Amino acid sequence: MPDLSYDLAAMKQHDRYKLLISLVIPRPIALVTTLGPNGVVNAAPFSFFNIFSESPAIAVLGLQIKPEGGLKDTATHIRDRNEFVINLVDEGLGEQMNQCAVDFPAEVSEIDVAKLSTLPSEKVKTPRIAEAPAALECRHYTTLEVSATRRLALGEILHVHVRDGLWDTEKMRIDMTQYRPLARLFGNFYASLGEPFTHERQSYEEWAAAQK
């Protein structure tokens, strides 16, 4: 039986979405905090998210337009405030993260609804989530309007917070026995990472020697 093959340009947008999010897994979750015009702290989860580089340190968020048109709260606040905080999500934060996905009115803070707490940031005015295992303070770098319904917001990471006990300051590595990030799959499915394993990367010389 031949493999399935799809021309994305011929697919409906919803079908493209379902295909891509089902195949590109797992994805990290960014629980993004922003400040509204009246100081209300907004918190919204994004799995169209990752980091791009370390110099400069750049993170990217995939932002969607409202079904009826117009920017959602996170995109509006990033445009107006030029900053945001990416709070990473672990297994313990999963249920509250999911509560933050509800489409609340702009005047309602997801922080309050999910019974989360905040801490001040160092370089931006937007607070971070105290319960998050790590937080990346970001200054808006640029936004790419890739379509009528999608934007890519790039943020320069200015400051990083890591929960005590997760980071080995000598080896400069995360403790995988303590850090249990939550992975986004598709639909209502999420996953833990399970037991980590290694593949040792070889130099060309090491690879060539192994062939003899």
N, C-alpha and C. Protein backbone atom coordinates (compact mmCIF):
# COMPACT_ATOMS: atom_id res chain seq x y z
N MET A 1 0.85 -1.19 0.00
CA MET A 1 0.00 0.00 0.00
C MET A 1 0.89 1.24 0.00
N PRO A 2 0.65 2.18 -0.90
CA PRO A 2 1.54 3.36 -0.98
C PRO A 2 1.35 4.29 0.21
N ASP A 3 2.41 5.06 0.50
CA ASP A 3 2.32 6.07 1.55
C ASP A 3 1.29 7.13 1.18
N LEU A 4 0.73 7.75 2.20
CA LEU A 4 -0.17 8.89 1.96
C LEU A 4 0.66 10.11 1.58
N SER A 5 0.10 10.96 0.77
CA SER A 5 0.82 12.13 0.27
C SER A 5 -0.16 13.29 0.17
N TYR A 6 0.24 14.46 0.72
CA TYR A 6 -0.66 15.60 0.78
C TYR A 6 -0.01 16.83 0.17
N ASP A 7 -0.74 17.51 -0.68
CA ASP A 7 -0.35 18.82 -1.20
C ASP A 7 -0.98 19.85 -0.26
N LEU A 8 -0.16 20.51 0.58
CA LEU A 8 -0.71 21.41 1.59
C LEU A 8 -1.49 22.56 0.99
N ALA A 9 -1.08 23.02 -0.18
CA ALA A 9 -1.78 24.14 -0.81
C ALA A 9 -3.20 23.76 -1.20
N ALA A 10 -3.46 22.47 -1.39
CA ALA A 10 -4.79 22.02 -1.79
C ALA A 10 -5.66 21.64 -0.59
N MET A 11 -5.10 21.71 0.60
CA MET A 11 -5.85 21.30 1.80
C MET A 11 -6.54 22.50 2.44
N LYS A 12 -7.64 22.23 3.12
CA LYS A 12 -8.28 23.25 3.93
C LYS A 12 -7.38 23.60 5.10
N GLN A 13 -7.47 24.84 5.58
CA GLN A 13 -6.60 25.29 6.67
C GLN A 13 -6.72 24.41 7.89
N HIS A 14 -7.93 24.03 8.28
CA HIS A 14 -8.12 23.20 9.47
C HIS A 14 -7.47 21.83 9.30
N ASP A 15 -7.54 21.27 8.08
CA ASP A 15 -6.92 19.97 7.83
C ASP A 15 -5.41 20.07 7.86
N ARG A 16 -4.86 21.17 7.31
CA ARG A 16 -3.40 21.38 7.39
C ARG A 16 -2.97 21.44 8.84
N TYR A 17 -3.74 22.19 9.64
CA TYR A 17 -3.43 22.33 11.07
C TYR A 17 -3.40 20.97 11.75
N LYS A 18 -4.42 20.15 11.52
CA LYS A 18 -4.49 18.85 12.18
C LYS A 18 -3.35 17.94 11.74
N LEU A 19 -2.99 17.99 10.48
CA LEU A 19 -1.90 17.16 9.98
C LEU A 19 -0.57 17.56 10.62
N LEU A 20 -0.27 18.85 10.63
CA LEU A 20 1.03 19.32 11.12
C LEU A 20 1.18 19.12 12.62
N ILE A 21 0.13 19.45 13.41
CA ILE A 21 0.28 19.31 14.85
C ILE A 21 0.29 17.86 15.28
N SER A 22 -0.24 16.95 14.43
CA SER A 22 -0.20 15.53 14.76
C SER A 22 1.17 14.92 14.48
N LEU A 23 1.88 15.46 13.50
CA LEU A 23 3.16 14.89 13.11
C LEU A 23 4.34 15.51 13.85
N VAL A 24 4.29 16.82 14.05
CA VAL A 24 5.43 17.50 14.68
C VAL A 24 5.20 17.49 16.20
N ILE A 25 5.57 16.39 16.81
CA ILE A 25 5.39 16.20 18.25
C ILE A 25 6.63 15.56 18.83
N PRO A 26 6.88 15.75 20.10
CA PRO A 26 6.18 16.64 21.04
C PRO A 26 6.63 18.08 20.86
N ARG A 27 5.80 19.01 21.34
CA ARG A 27 6.15 20.43 21.28
C ARG A 27 6.14 21.00 22.69
N PRO A 28 7.07 21.90 23.02
CA PRO A 28 7.04 22.53 24.34
C PRO A 28 5.88 23.50 24.44
N ILE A 29 5.49 23.82 25.65
CA ILE A 29 4.37 24.74 25.88
C ILE A 29 4.89 26.01 26.53
N ALA A 30 4.53 27.14 25.95
CA ALA A 30 4.82 28.44 26.55
C ALA A 30 3.54 28.99 27.17
N LEU A 31 3.55 29.22 28.46
CA LEU A 31 2.44 29.90 29.12
C LEU A 31 2.85 31.36 29.22
N VAL A 32 2.36 32.17 28.29
CA VAL A 32 2.87 33.52 28.09
C VAL A 32 2.09 34.52 28.93
N THR A 33 2.80 35.28 29.74
CA THR A 33 2.17 36.37 30.48
C THR A 33 2.44 37.69 29.78
N THR A 34 1.38 38.51 29.75
CA THR A 34 1.47 39.86 29.20
C THR A 34 0.64 40.78 30.09
N LEU A 35 0.84 42.07 29.92
CA LEU A 35 0.09 43.07 30.69
C LEU A 35 -0.90 43.79 29.79
N GLY A 36 -2.17 43.84 30.23
CA GLY A 36 -3.19 44.58 29.52
C GLY A 36 -3.11 46.06 29.83
N PRO A 37 -3.93 46.86 29.18
CA PRO A 37 -3.87 48.32 29.36
C PRO A 37 -4.22 48.77 30.76
N ASN A 38 -5.00 48.00 31.49
CA ASN A 38 -5.38 48.35 32.86
C ASN A 38 -4.58 47.58 33.90
N GLY A 39 -3.48 46.97 33.47
CA GLY A 39 -2.62 46.24 34.40
C GLY A 39 -3.06 44.82 34.68
N VAL A 40 -4.09 44.34 33.97
CA VAL A 40 -4.53 42.96 34.14
C VAL A 40 -3.48 42.03 33.54
N VAL A 41 -3.08 41.01 34.30
CA VAL A 41 -2.08 40.04 33.82
C VAL A 41 -2.79 38.95 33.03
N ASN A 42 -2.45 38.86 31.76
CA ASN A 42 -3.00 37.82 30.89
C ASN A 42 -2.03 36.66 30.84
N ALA A 43 -2.56 35.44 30.83
CA ALA A 43 -1.72 34.24 30.69
C ALA A 43 -2.36 33.33 29.66
N ALA A 44 -1.62 33.00 28.61
CA ALA A 44 -2.16 32.19 27.52
C ALA A 44 -1.14 31.14 27.09
N PRO A 45 -1.58 29.89 26.91
CA PRO A 45 -0.66 28.84 26.48
C PRO A 45 -0.48 28.79 24.97
N PHE A 46 0.74 28.50 24.54
CA PHE A 46 1.07 28.36 23.12
C PHE A 46 1.96 27.15 22.93
N SER A 47 1.60 26.28 21.98
CA SER A 47 2.51 25.18 21.64
C SER A 47 3.16 25.40 20.28
N PHE A 48 2.73 26.44 19.54
CA PHE A 48 3.50 26.89 18.40
C PHE A 48 4.56 27.84 18.96
N PHE A 49 5.62 27.23 19.51
CA PHE A 49 6.62 27.99 20.27
C PHE A 49 7.94 27.24 20.27
N ASN A 50 9.02 27.99 20.19
CA ASN A 50 10.34 27.39 20.40
C ASN A 50 11.38 28.51 20.46
N ILE A 51 12.65 28.12 20.65
CA ILE A 51 13.74 29.08 20.60
C ILE A 51 14.45 28.92 19.27
N PHE A 52 15.02 30.02 18.78
CA PHE A 52 15.67 30.04 17.48
C PHE A 52 17.19 30.10 17.56
N SER A 53 17.70 30.87 18.52
CA SER A 53 19.14 31.06 18.58
C SER A 53 19.54 31.53 19.97
N GLU A 54 20.85 31.54 20.20
CA GLU A 54 21.36 32.00 21.49
C GLU A 54 22.10 33.33 21.38
N SER A 55 22.41 33.78 20.16
CA SER A 55 23.15 35.02 20.01
C SER A 55 22.69 35.76 18.74
N PRO A 56 21.66 36.61 18.85
CA PRO A 56 20.93 36.93 20.09
C PRO A 56 20.00 35.78 20.49
N ALA A 57 19.65 35.79 21.77
CA ALA A 57 18.74 34.76 22.28
C ALA A 57 17.32 35.10 21.83
N ILE A 58 16.77 34.30 20.92
CA ILE A 58 15.48 34.61 20.31
C ILE A 58 14.50 33.46 20.52
N ALA A 59 13.29 33.79 20.97
CA ALA A 59 12.19 32.84 21.05
C ALA A 59 11.11 33.29 20.08
N VAL A 60 10.30 32.34 19.61
CA VAL A 60 9.24 32.66 18.66
C VAL A 60 7.91 32.09 19.15
N LEU A 61 6.86 32.87 18.97
CA LEU A 61 5.50 32.45 19.29
C LEU A 61 4.65 32.52 18.03
N GLY A 62 3.85 31.48 17.80
CA GLY A 62 2.89 31.50 16.71
C GLY A 62 1.56 32.04 17.22
N LEU A 63 1.17 33.23 16.76
CA LEU A 63 -0.03 33.89 17.24
C LEU A 63 -1.14 33.79 16.21
N GLN A 64 -2.35 33.53 16.69
CA GLN A 64 -3.50 33.38 15.80
C GLN A 64 -4.46 34.55 15.97
N ILE A 65 -5.09 34.94 14.87
CA ILE A 65 -6.10 35.99 14.88
C ILE A 65 -7.42 35.41 15.40
N LYS A 66 -8.26 36.24 16.01
CA LYS A 66 -9.57 35.80 16.45
C LYS A 66 -10.40 35.31 15.26
N PRO A 67 -11.28 34.32 15.48
CA PRO A 67 -12.12 33.83 14.37
C PRO A 67 -12.92 34.93 13.69
N GLU A 68 -13.38 35.91 14.49
CA GLU A 68 -14.17 37.01 13.94
C GLU A 68 -13.29 38.15 13.43
N GLY A 69 -11.97 37.98 13.53
CA GLY A 69 -11.04 39.01 13.10
C GLY A 69 -10.51 39.82 14.27
N GLY A 70 -9.35 40.41 14.12
CA GLY A 70 -8.74 41.20 15.19
C GLY A 70 -7.76 40.38 16.00
N LEU A 71 -6.85 41.10 16.65
CA LEU A 71 -5.81 40.45 17.43
C LEU A 71 -6.35 39.89 18.74
N LYS A 72 -5.81 38.76 19.15
CA LYS A 72 -6.11 38.24 20.48
C LYS A 72 -5.32 39.05 21.51
N ASP A 73 -5.64 38.82 22.80
CA ASP A 73 -5.07 39.64 23.87
C ASP A 73 -3.55 39.61 23.88
N THR A 74 -2.95 38.42 23.76
CA THR A 74 -1.49 38.32 23.84
C THR A 74 -0.83 39.15 22.74
N ALA A 75 -1.32 39.01 21.52
CA ALA A 75 -0.73 39.76 20.40
C ALA A 75 -0.91 41.26 20.59
N THR A 76 -2.07 41.68 21.08
CA THR A 76 -2.31 43.10 21.32
C THR A 76 -1.37 43.64 22.38
N HIS A 77 -1.20 42.91 23.48
CA HIS A 77 -0.34 43.37 24.56
C HIS A 77 1.13 43.41 24.15
N ILE A 78 1.56 42.43 23.37
CA ILE A 78 2.95 42.44 22.88
C ILE A 78 3.18 43.65 21.99
N ARG A 79 2.21 43.94 21.13
CA ARG A 79 2.33 45.11 20.25
C ARG A 79 2.39 46.41 21.06
N ASP A 80 1.55 46.51 22.08
CA ASP A 80 1.45 47.76 22.84
C ASP A 80 2.55 47.92 23.89
N ARG A 81 2.98 46.81 24.49
CA ARG A 81 3.95 46.88 25.59
C ARG A 81 5.38 46.53 25.16
N ASN A 82 5.51 45.86 24.01
CA ASN A 82 6.83 45.46 23.51
C ASN A 82 7.56 44.52 24.45
N GLU A 83 6.82 43.66 25.15
CA GLU A 83 7.45 42.70 26.04
C GLU A 83 6.48 41.59 26.37
N PHE A 84 7.02 40.47 26.86
CA PHE A 84 6.22 39.36 27.34
C PHE A 84 7.14 38.41 28.10
N VAL A 85 6.55 37.49 28.85
CA VAL A 85 7.32 36.50 29.59
C VAL A 85 6.83 35.10 29.20
N ILE A 86 7.76 34.25 28.81
CA ILE A 86 7.44 32.86 28.51
C ILE A 86 7.67 32.04 29.77
N ASN A 87 6.61 31.51 30.34
CA ASN A 87 6.69 30.63 31.50
C ASN A 87 6.59 29.20 31.02
N LEU A 88 7.61 28.41 31.27
CA LEU A 88 7.60 27.02 30.81
C LEU A 88 6.67 26.19 31.69
N VAL A 89 6.14 25.13 31.11
CA VAL A 89 5.11 24.34 31.77
C VAL A 89 5.64 22.94 32.08
N ASP A 90 5.55 22.56 33.35
CA ASP A 90 5.88 21.19 33.73
C ASP A 90 4.60 20.42 34.04
N GLU A 91 4.76 19.15 34.41
CA GLU A 91 3.59 18.31 34.65
C GLU A 91 2.71 18.86 35.76
N GLY A 92 3.33 19.43 36.78
CA GLY A 92 2.58 19.95 37.91
C GLY A 92 1.75 21.17 37.57
N LEU A 93 2.08 21.85 36.47
CA LEU A 93 1.38 23.06 36.07
C LEU A 93 0.35 22.80 34.98
N GLY A 94 0.24 21.53 34.55
CA GLY A 94 -0.58 21.20 33.40
C GLY A 94 -2.04 21.58 33.53
N GLU A 95 -2.68 21.25 34.64
CA GLU A 95 -4.11 21.52 34.79
C GLU A 95 -4.39 23.03 34.79
N GLN A 96 -3.53 23.79 35.47
CA GLN A 96 -3.73 25.24 35.50
C GLN A 96 -3.45 25.86 34.14
N MET A 97 -2.46 25.33 33.43
CA MET A 97 -2.20 25.79 32.06
C MET A 97 -3.44 25.61 31.20
N ASN A 98 -4.09 24.46 31.34
CA ASN A 98 -5.27 24.17 30.53
C ASN A 98 -6.42 25.12 30.87
N GLN A 99 -6.53 25.51 32.13
CA GLN A 99 -7.55 26.49 32.51
C GLN A 99 -7.28 27.83 31.82
N CYS A 100 -6.02 28.16 31.66
CA CYS A 100 -5.66 29.44 31.03
C CYS A 100 -5.99 29.47 29.54
N ALA A 101 -6.29 28.30 28.96
CA ALA A 101 -6.63 28.23 27.54
C ALA A 101 -8.07 28.65 27.26
N VAL A 102 -8.89 28.79 28.32
CA VAL A 102 -10.27 29.24 28.14
C VAL A 102 -10.27 30.67 27.58
N ASP A 103 -11.20 30.95 26.69
CA ASP A 103 -11.26 32.26 26.04
C ASP A 103 -11.97 33.27 26.95
N PHE A 104 -11.29 33.70 27.99
CA PHE A 104 -11.87 34.66 28.93
C PHE A 104 -11.91 36.06 28.33
N PRO A 105 -12.83 36.91 28.80
CA PRO A 105 -12.81 38.33 28.39
C PRO A 105 -11.50 38.99 28.81
N ALA A 106 -11.14 40.06 28.12
CA ALA A 106 -9.85 40.72 28.34
C ALA A 106 -9.69 41.23 29.77
N GLU A 107 -10.80 41.58 30.43
CA GLU A 107 -10.71 42.12 31.78
C GLU A 107 -10.55 41.05 32.85
N VAL A 108 -10.59 39.77 32.47
CA VAL A 108 -10.44 38.66 33.41
C VAL A 108 -9.01 38.14 33.33
N SER A 109 -8.34 38.04 34.46
CA SER A 109 -6.98 37.52 34.50
C SER A 109 -6.99 36.00 34.68
N GLU A 110 -6.37 35.31 33.76
CA GLU A 110 -6.25 33.85 33.88
C GLU A 110 -5.45 33.46 35.12
N ILE A 111 -4.56 34.34 35.55
CA ILE A 111 -3.79 34.08 36.76
C ILE A 111 -4.73 33.88 37.95
N ASP A 112 -5.73 34.74 38.07
CA ASP A 112 -6.69 34.63 39.17
C ASP A 112 -7.57 33.40 39.03
N VAL A 113 -8.05 33.15 37.82
CA VAL A 113 -8.94 32.00 37.60
C VAL A 113 -8.24 30.69 37.93
N ALA A 114 -6.99 30.55 37.50
CA ALA A 114 -6.23 29.32 37.71
C ALA A 114 -5.57 29.26 39.08
N LYS A 115 -5.80 30.30 39.89
CA LYS A 115 -5.21 30.37 41.24
C LYS A 115 -3.69 30.23 41.20
N LEU A 116 -3.10 30.96 40.27
CA LEU A 116 -1.65 31.05 40.17
C LEU A 116 -1.18 32.30 40.89
N SER A 117 0.10 32.42 41.09
CA SER A 117 0.67 33.62 41.70
C SER A 117 1.81 34.12 40.82
N THR A 118 2.16 35.38 41.01
CA THR A 118 3.19 35.98 40.16
C THR A 118 4.35 36.50 41.00
N LEU A 119 5.47 36.67 40.33
CA LEU A 119 6.66 37.28 40.92
C LEU A 119 7.15 38.37 39.97
N PRO A 120 7.82 39.40 40.49
CA PRO A 120 8.32 40.45 39.60
C PRO A 120 9.40 39.91 38.67
N SER A 121 9.45 40.47 37.47
CA SER A 121 10.54 40.18 36.55
C SER A 121 11.69 41.14 36.80
N GLU A 122 12.83 40.84 36.20
CA GLU A 122 14.03 41.66 36.40
C GLU A 122 14.16 42.75 35.35
N LYS A 123 13.86 42.43 34.09
CA LYS A 123 14.15 43.35 32.99
C LYS A 123 12.90 43.90 32.32
N VAL A 124 11.73 43.31 32.61
CA VAL A 124 10.49 43.79 32.00
C VAL A 124 9.47 44.02 33.11
N LYS A 125 8.43 44.78 32.78
CA LYS A 125 7.39 45.06 33.77
C LYS A 125 6.39 43.92 33.93
N THR A 126 6.29 43.08 32.91
CA THR A 126 5.36 41.96 32.96
C THR A 126 5.84 40.94 33.99
N PRO A 127 4.97 40.52 34.92
CA PRO A 127 5.41 39.54 35.92
C PRO A 127 5.50 38.13 35.35
N ARG A 128 6.23 37.29 36.04
CA ARG A 128 6.34 35.88 35.70
C ARG A 128 5.47 35.05 36.64
N ILE A 129 5.23 33.81 36.29
CA ILE A 129 4.41 32.93 37.10
C ILE A 129 5.28 32.20 38.10
N ALA A 130 4.96 32.35 39.37
CA ALA A 130 5.80 31.79 40.44
C ALA A 130 5.86 30.28 40.38
N GLU A 131 4.79 29.63 39.95
CA GLU A 131 4.74 28.16 39.93
C GLU A 131 5.47 27.54 38.74
N ALA A 132 5.88 28.34 37.78
CA ALA A 132 6.55 27.80 36.59
C ALA A 132 7.97 27.34 36.93
N PRO A 133 8.43 26.26 36.34
CA PRO A 133 9.79 25.80 36.60
C PRO A 133 10.86 26.72 36.04
N ALA A 134 10.51 27.49 35.03
CA ALA A 134 11.45 28.45 34.45
C ALA A 134 10.66 29.53 33.72
N ALA A 135 11.27 30.69 33.59
CA ALA A 135 10.62 31.81 32.90
C ALA A 135 11.65 32.57 32.09
N LEU A 136 11.25 32.97 30.88
CA LEU A 136 12.12 33.71 29.97
C LEU A 136 11.53 35.10 29.75
N GLU A 137 12.20 36.11 30.27
CA GLU A 137 11.75 37.49 30.07
C GLU A 137 12.14 37.94 28.66
N CYS A 138 11.18 38.42 27.91
CA CYS A 138 11.42 38.76 26.50
C CYS A 138 11.05 40.20 26.17
N ARG A 139 11.89 40.81 25.35
CA ARG A 139 11.57 42.09 24.75
C ARG A 139 11.19 41.83 23.29
N HIS A 140 10.09 42.45 22.85
CA HIS A 140 9.62 42.22 21.49
C HIS A 140 10.70 42.59 20.49
N TYR A 141 11.05 41.67 19.62
CA TYR A 141 12.09 41.86 18.63
C TYR A 141 11.48 42.29 17.29
N THR A 142 10.55 41.48 16.81
CA THR A 142 9.80 41.82 15.60
C THR A 142 8.63 40.86 15.47
N THR A 143 7.64 41.25 14.68
CA THR A 143 6.51 40.36 14.39
C THR A 143 6.38 40.24 12.88
N LEU A 144 6.28 39.01 12.41
CA LEU A 144 6.10 38.73 10.99
C LEU A 144 4.63 38.37 10.75
N GLU A 145 3.98 39.10 9.88
CA GLU A 145 2.60 38.79 9.52
C GLU A 145 2.65 37.83 8.34
N VAL A 146 2.61 36.53 8.65
CA VAL A 146 2.81 35.53 7.61
C VAL A 146 1.54 35.22 6.83
N SER A 147 0.38 35.55 7.38
CA SER A 147 -0.88 35.38 6.66
C SER A 147 -1.93 36.26 7.32
N ALA A 148 -3.14 36.21 6.79
CA ALA A 148 -4.21 37.02 7.37
C ALA A 148 -4.61 36.53 8.75
N THR A 149 -4.27 35.28 9.06
CA THR A 149 -4.70 34.70 10.35
C THR A 149 -3.54 34.33 11.27
N ARG A 150 -2.30 34.45 10.79
CA ARG A 150 -1.16 34.02 11.60
C ARG A 150 -0.07 35.07 11.64
N ARG A 151 0.51 35.21 12.84
CA ARG A 151 1.67 36.06 13.05
C ARG A 151 2.73 35.27 13.79
N LEU A 152 3.99 35.60 13.53
CA LEU A 152 5.10 35.05 14.31
C LEU A 152 5.71 36.20 15.09
N ALA A 153 5.61 36.13 16.41
CA ALA A 153 6.20 37.15 17.27
C ALA A 153 7.53 36.65 17.79
N LEU A 154 8.59 37.38 17.49
CA LEU A 154 9.92 37.04 17.96
C LEU A 154 10.25 37.91 19.17
N GLY A 155 10.81 37.28 20.19
CA GLY A 155 11.20 38.01 21.38
C GLY A 155 12.66 37.76 21.71
N GLU A 156 13.37 38.82 22.07
CA GLU A 156 14.75 38.66 22.54
C GLU A 156 14.70 38.33 24.03
N ILE A 157 15.29 37.20 24.40
CA ILE A 157 15.28 36.76 25.79
C ILE A 157 16.33 37.55 26.56
N LEU A 158 15.87 38.34 27.53
CA LEU A 158 16.76 39.22 28.29
C LEU A 158 17.21 38.62 29.61
N HIS A 159 16.37 37.80 30.21
CA HIS A 159 16.67 37.29 31.55
C HIS A 159 15.96 35.95 31.72
N VAL A 160 16.61 35.02 32.41
CA VAL A 160 16.05 33.68 32.61
C VAL A 160 16.00 33.37 34.10
N HIS A 161 14.88 32.84 34.54
CA HIS A 161 14.71 32.37 35.92
C HIS A 161 14.52 30.86 35.90
N VAL A 162 15.20 30.15 36.80
CA VAL A 162 15.07 28.70 36.90
C VAL A 162 14.81 28.34 38.36
N ARG A 163 13.83 27.47 38.57
CA ARG A 163 13.50 27.05 39.92
C ARG A 163 14.70 26.41 40.61
N ASP A 164 14.87 26.73 41.88
CA ASP A 164 15.97 26.18 42.67
C ASP A 164 15.92 24.66 42.66
N GLY A 165 17.07 24.04 42.42
CA GLY A 165 17.17 22.59 42.40
C GLY A 165 17.11 21.97 41.02
N LEU A 166 16.77 22.78 40.00
CA LEU A 166 16.66 22.23 38.65
C LEU A 166 17.94 22.36 37.84
N TRP A 167 18.80 23.31 38.21
CA TRP A 167 19.94 23.66 37.37
C TRP A 167 21.25 23.35 38.08
N ASP A 168 22.14 22.63 37.40
CA ASP A 168 23.48 22.36 37.90
C ASP A 168 24.38 23.49 37.43
N THR A 169 24.79 24.35 38.36
CA THR A 169 25.56 25.54 37.99
C THR A 169 26.98 25.21 37.54
N GLU A 170 27.49 24.04 37.92
CA GLU A 170 28.84 23.66 37.50
C GLU A 170 28.84 23.05 36.10
N LYS A 171 27.93 22.11 35.86
CA LYS A 171 27.86 21.47 34.55
C LYS A 171 27.06 22.28 33.55
N MET A 172 26.32 23.29 34.04
CA MET A 172 25.43 24.09 33.19
C MET A 172 24.44 23.19 32.44
N ARG A 173 23.78 22.35 33.24
CA ARG A 173 22.79 21.44 32.68
C ARG A 173 21.58 21.36 33.59
N ILE A 174 20.44 21.06 32.98
CA ILE A 174 19.22 20.87 33.74
C ILE A 174 19.24 19.48 34.37
N ASP A 175 18.67 19.34 35.54
CA ASP A 175 18.55 18.04 36.21
C ASP A 175 17.27 17.38 35.71
N MET A 176 17.41 16.39 34.83
CA MET A 176 16.25 15.77 34.22
C MET A 176 15.45 14.92 35.21
N THR A 177 16.04 14.61 36.35
CA THR A 177 15.28 13.86 37.36
C THR A 177 14.31 14.78 38.11
N GLN A 178 14.54 16.09 38.05
CA GLN A 178 13.70 17.05 38.75
C GLN A 178 12.80 17.84 37.80
N TYR A 179 13.31 18.12 36.62
CA TYR A 179 12.55 18.91 35.64
C TYR A 179 11.70 17.97 34.80
N ARG A 180 10.40 18.09 34.88
CA ARG A 180 9.49 17.20 34.16
C ARG A 180 8.58 18.05 33.26
N PRO A 181 9.12 18.52 32.13
CA PRO A 181 8.33 19.38 31.25
C PRO A 181 7.16 18.62 30.64
N LEU A 182 6.08 19.35 30.41
CA LEU A 182 4.90 18.78 29.78
C LEU A 182 4.98 19.01 28.28
N ALA A 183 4.73 17.97 27.51
CA ALA A 183 4.82 18.07 26.06
C ALA A 183 3.42 18.11 25.44
N ARG A 184 3.25 18.95 24.45
CA ARG A 184 1.98 19.05 23.74
C ARG A 184 1.99 18.10 22.56
N LEU A 185 0.91 17.35 22.41
CA LEU A 185 0.77 16.47 21.26
C LEU A 185 -0.28 17.07 20.32
N PHE A 186 -1.49 16.54 20.31
CA PHE A 186 -2.55 17.07 19.45
C PHE A 186 -3.89 16.79 20.12
N GLY A 187 -4.93 17.48 19.64
CA GLY A 187 -6.23 17.29 20.27
C GLY A 187 -6.14 17.63 21.75
N ASN A 188 -6.61 16.74 22.59
CA ASN A 188 -6.51 16.91 24.04
C ASN A 188 -5.36 16.11 24.63
N PHE A 189 -4.43 15.66 23.80
CA PHE A 189 -3.37 14.78 24.26
C PHE A 189 -2.10 15.56 24.63
N TYR A 190 -1.53 15.16 25.76
CA TYR A 190 -0.25 15.67 26.25
C TYR A 190 0.60 14.47 26.65
N ALA A 191 1.87 14.71 26.93
CA ALA A 191 2.74 13.60 27.30
C ALA A 191 3.87 14.09 28.19
N SER A 192 4.37 13.19 29.02
CA SER A 192 5.63 13.44 29.72
C SER A 192 6.75 12.92 28.83
N LEU A 193 7.98 13.31 29.14
CA LEU A 193 9.10 12.93 28.28
C LEU A 193 9.57 11.50 28.50
N GLY A 194 9.23 10.91 29.64
CA GLY A 194 9.73 9.57 29.91
C GLY A 194 11.22 9.59 30.26
N GLU A 195 11.85 8.43 30.18
CA GLU A 195 13.26 8.32 30.55
C GLU A 195 14.15 8.83 29.43
N PRO A 196 15.06 9.77 29.72
CA PRO A 196 15.97 10.26 28.68
C PRO A 196 17.04 9.24 28.33
N PHE A 197 17.52 9.30 27.11
CA PHE A 197 18.63 8.46 26.68
C PHE A 197 19.53 9.30 25.79
N THR A 198 20.69 8.79 25.44
CA THR A 198 21.67 9.59 24.70
C THR A 198 22.03 8.94 23.37
N HIS A 199 22.40 9.78 22.42
CA HIS A 199 23.10 9.40 21.20
C HIS A 199 24.35 10.28 21.16
N GLU A 200 25.53 9.66 21.21
CA GLU A 200 26.77 10.43 21.21
C GLU A 200 27.07 10.95 19.80
N ARG A 201 27.20 12.27 19.68
CA ARG A 201 27.52 12.86 18.39
C ARG A 201 29.00 12.69 18.10
N GLN A 202 29.33 12.16 16.91
CA GLN A 202 30.72 11.93 16.53
C GLN A 202 31.25 13.05 15.65
N SER A 203 32.56 13.27 15.74
CA SER A 203 33.23 14.09 14.75
C SER A 203 33.40 13.24 13.48
N TYR A 204 33.74 13.90 12.37
CA TYR A 204 33.97 13.14 11.15
C TYR A 204 35.11 12.15 11.33
N GLU A 205 36.17 12.59 12.04
CA GLU A 205 37.33 11.72 12.25
C GLU A 205 36.93 10.48 13.06
N GLU A 206 36.09 10.66 14.08
CA GLU A 206 35.64 9.51 14.88
C GLU A 206 34.78 8.57 14.04
N TRP A 207 33.91 9.16 13.21
CA TRP A 207 33.07 8.32 12.36
C TRP A 207 33.91 7.52 11.37
N ALA A 208 34.89 8.21 10.74
CA ALA A 208 35.74 7.54 9.75
C ALA A 208 36.53 6.41 10.38
N ALA A 209 37.06 6.64 11.59
CA ALA A 209 37.83 5.60 12.28
C ALA A 209 36.98 4.39 12.59
N ALA A 210 35.71 4.60 12.87
CA ALA A 210 34.81 3.49 13.23
C ALA A 210 34.46 2.64 12.02
N GLN A 211 34.68 3.18 10.80
CA GLN A 211 34.34 2.42 9.61
C GLN A 211 35.44 1.44 9.22
N LYS A 212 36.62 1.57 9.80
CA LYS A 212 37.76 0.73 9.40
C LYS A 212 37.65 -0.65 10.05
